[in-house]
Amino acid sequence: MIFDFRWVLFVAITALYWRSAMHYRIFRFRHRMPMLLAFLLVALFI
């Protein structure tokens, strides 16, 4: 029987990137976005 590792990988990625954030600037305003949200948005647009 082959084990499905997708949920294990999902939990591991979530644990690794939980506190990571991406900083970006639009004009003079600085913004902060959690990396998990950035990954989700990239996946939705692809």
N, C-alpha and C. Protein backbone atom coordinates (compact mmCIF):
# COMPACT_ATOMS: atom_id res chain seq x y z
N MET A 1 0.84 -1.19 0.00
CA MET A 1 0.00 0.00 0.00
C MET A 1 0.88 1.25 0.00
N ILE A 2 0.53 2.20 -0.82
CA ILE A 2 1.29 3.45 -0.93
C ILE A 2 0.60 4.51 -0.07
N PHE A 3 1.39 5.14 0.79
CA PHE A 3 0.85 6.16 1.69
C PHE A 3 0.80 7.52 0.97
N ASP A 4 -0.25 8.28 1.21
CA ASP A 4 -0.43 9.60 0.61
C ASP A 4 0.24 10.65 1.51
N PHE A 5 1.33 11.24 1.03
CA PHE A 5 2.11 12.19 1.83
C PHE A 5 1.69 13.65 1.64
N ARG A 6 0.63 13.91 0.90
CA ARG A 6 0.25 15.30 0.63
C ARG A 6 -0.10 16.06 1.90
N TRP A 7 -0.85 15.42 2.80
CA TRP A 7 -1.23 16.12 4.03
C TRP A 7 -0.04 16.33 4.94
N VAL A 8 0.87 15.38 4.97
CA VAL A 8 2.09 15.53 5.77
C VAL A 8 2.92 16.69 5.23
N LEU A 9 3.06 16.78 3.92
CA LEU A 9 3.80 17.89 3.31
C LEU A 9 3.11 19.22 3.54
N PHE A 10 1.79 19.24 3.48
CA PHE A 10 1.04 20.47 3.71
C PHE A 10 1.26 20.98 5.14
N VAL A 11 1.22 20.09 6.11
CA VAL A 11 1.45 20.47 7.51
C VAL A 11 2.89 20.94 7.72
N ALA A 12 3.84 20.27 7.08
CA ALA A 12 5.25 20.66 7.22
C ALA A 12 5.50 22.04 6.62
N ILE A 13 4.94 22.31 5.45
CA ILE A 13 5.11 23.63 4.81
C ILE A 13 4.44 24.71 5.64
N THR A 14 3.25 24.41 6.16
CA THR A 14 2.55 25.39 7.00
C THR A 14 3.36 25.70 8.25
N ALA A 15 3.94 24.70 8.87
CA ALA A 15 4.75 24.91 10.07
C ALA A 15 6.00 25.73 9.76
N LEU A 16 6.61 25.47 8.58
CA LEU A 16 7.83 26.20 8.23
C LEU A 16 7.58 27.67 7.90
N TYR A 17 6.49 27.94 7.20
CA TYR A 17 6.23 29.30 6.73
C TYR A 17 5.22 30.06 7.57
N TRP A 18 4.86 29.57 8.74
CA TRP A 18 3.80 30.19 9.55
C TRP A 18 4.12 31.63 9.90
N ARG A 19 5.34 31.92 10.32
CA ARG A 19 5.69 33.28 10.76
C ARG A 19 6.43 34.08 9.70
N SER A 20 6.62 33.53 8.53
CA SER A 20 7.34 34.24 7.48
C SER A 20 6.42 35.26 6.82
N ALA A 21 7.03 36.37 6.44
CA ALA A 21 6.25 37.43 5.80
C ALA A 21 7.04 38.02 4.65
N MET A 22 6.30 38.55 3.70
CA MET A 22 6.90 39.22 2.56
C MET A 22 6.59 40.70 2.70
N HIS A 23 7.61 41.53 2.56
CA HIS A 23 7.43 42.98 2.65
C HIS A 23 7.53 43.56 1.24
N TYR A 24 6.61 44.44 0.93
CA TYR A 24 6.65 45.08 -0.39
C TYR A 24 6.21 46.53 -0.24
N ARG A 25 6.54 47.33 -1.23
CA ARG A 25 6.26 48.76 -1.16
C ARG A 25 5.53 49.19 -2.42
N ILE A 26 4.45 49.94 -2.22
CA ILE A 26 3.73 50.57 -3.32
C ILE A 26 3.83 52.07 -3.07
N PHE A 27 4.52 52.73 -3.98
CA PHE A 27 4.88 54.14 -3.82
C PHE A 27 5.64 54.31 -2.51
N ARG A 28 5.15 55.08 -1.56
CA ARG A 28 5.87 55.25 -0.30
C ARG A 28 5.30 54.42 0.84
N PHE A 29 4.29 53.62 0.56
CA PHE A 29 3.63 52.84 1.61
C PHE A 29 4.19 51.42 1.64
N ARG A 30 4.62 51.01 2.82
CA ARG A 30 5.16 49.66 2.99
C ARG A 30 4.06 48.74 3.50
N HIS A 31 4.00 47.55 2.93
CA HIS A 31 2.99 46.57 3.31
C HIS A 31 3.67 45.26 3.69
N ARG A 32 2.94 44.45 4.44
CA ARG A 32 3.44 43.15 4.87
C ARG A 32 2.37 42.11 4.56
N MET A 33 2.78 41.00 3.93
CA MET A 33 1.84 39.93 3.60
C MET A 33 2.45 38.61 4.07
N PRO A 34 1.66 37.79 4.77
CA PRO A 34 2.16 36.47 5.16
C PRO A 34 2.48 35.63 3.92
N MET A 35 3.55 34.83 4.02
CA MET A 35 3.98 34.02 2.88
C MET A 35 2.93 32.99 2.49
N LEU A 36 2.21 32.43 3.45
CA LEU A 36 1.18 31.45 3.10
C LEU A 36 0.09 32.08 2.25
N LEU A 37 -0.28 33.32 2.56
CA LEU A 37 -1.26 34.02 1.74
C LEU A 37 -0.69 34.31 0.35
N ALA A 38 0.57 34.67 0.28
CA ALA A 38 1.21 34.92 -1.02
C ALA A 38 1.23 33.64 -1.87
N PHE A 39 1.57 32.50 -1.25
CA PHE A 39 1.56 31.23 -1.97
C PHE A 39 0.16 30.90 -2.46
N LEU A 40 -0.84 31.13 -1.63
CA LEU A 40 -2.23 30.84 -2.02
C LEU A 40 -2.65 31.72 -3.19
N LEU A 41 -2.31 32.99 -3.15
CA LEU A 41 -2.69 33.89 -4.23
C LEU A 41 -1.98 33.53 -5.54
N VAL A 42 -0.72 33.14 -5.46
CA VAL A 42 0.00 32.72 -6.66
C VAL A 42 -0.66 31.47 -7.24
N ALA A 43 -1.01 30.53 -6.39
CA ALA A 43 -1.65 29.29 -6.86
C ALA A 43 -3.01 29.59 -7.50
N LEU A 44 -3.75 30.55 -6.97
CA LEU A 44 -5.05 30.89 -7.56
C LEU A 44 -4.91 31.55 -8.92
N PHE A 45 -3.89 32.38 -9.09
CA PHE A 45 -3.73 33.09 -10.36
C PHE A 45 -3.13 32.22 -11.44
N ILE A 46 -2.41 31.18 -11.07
CA ILE A 46 -1.85 30.27 -12.07
C ILE A 46 -2.95 29.37 -12.54
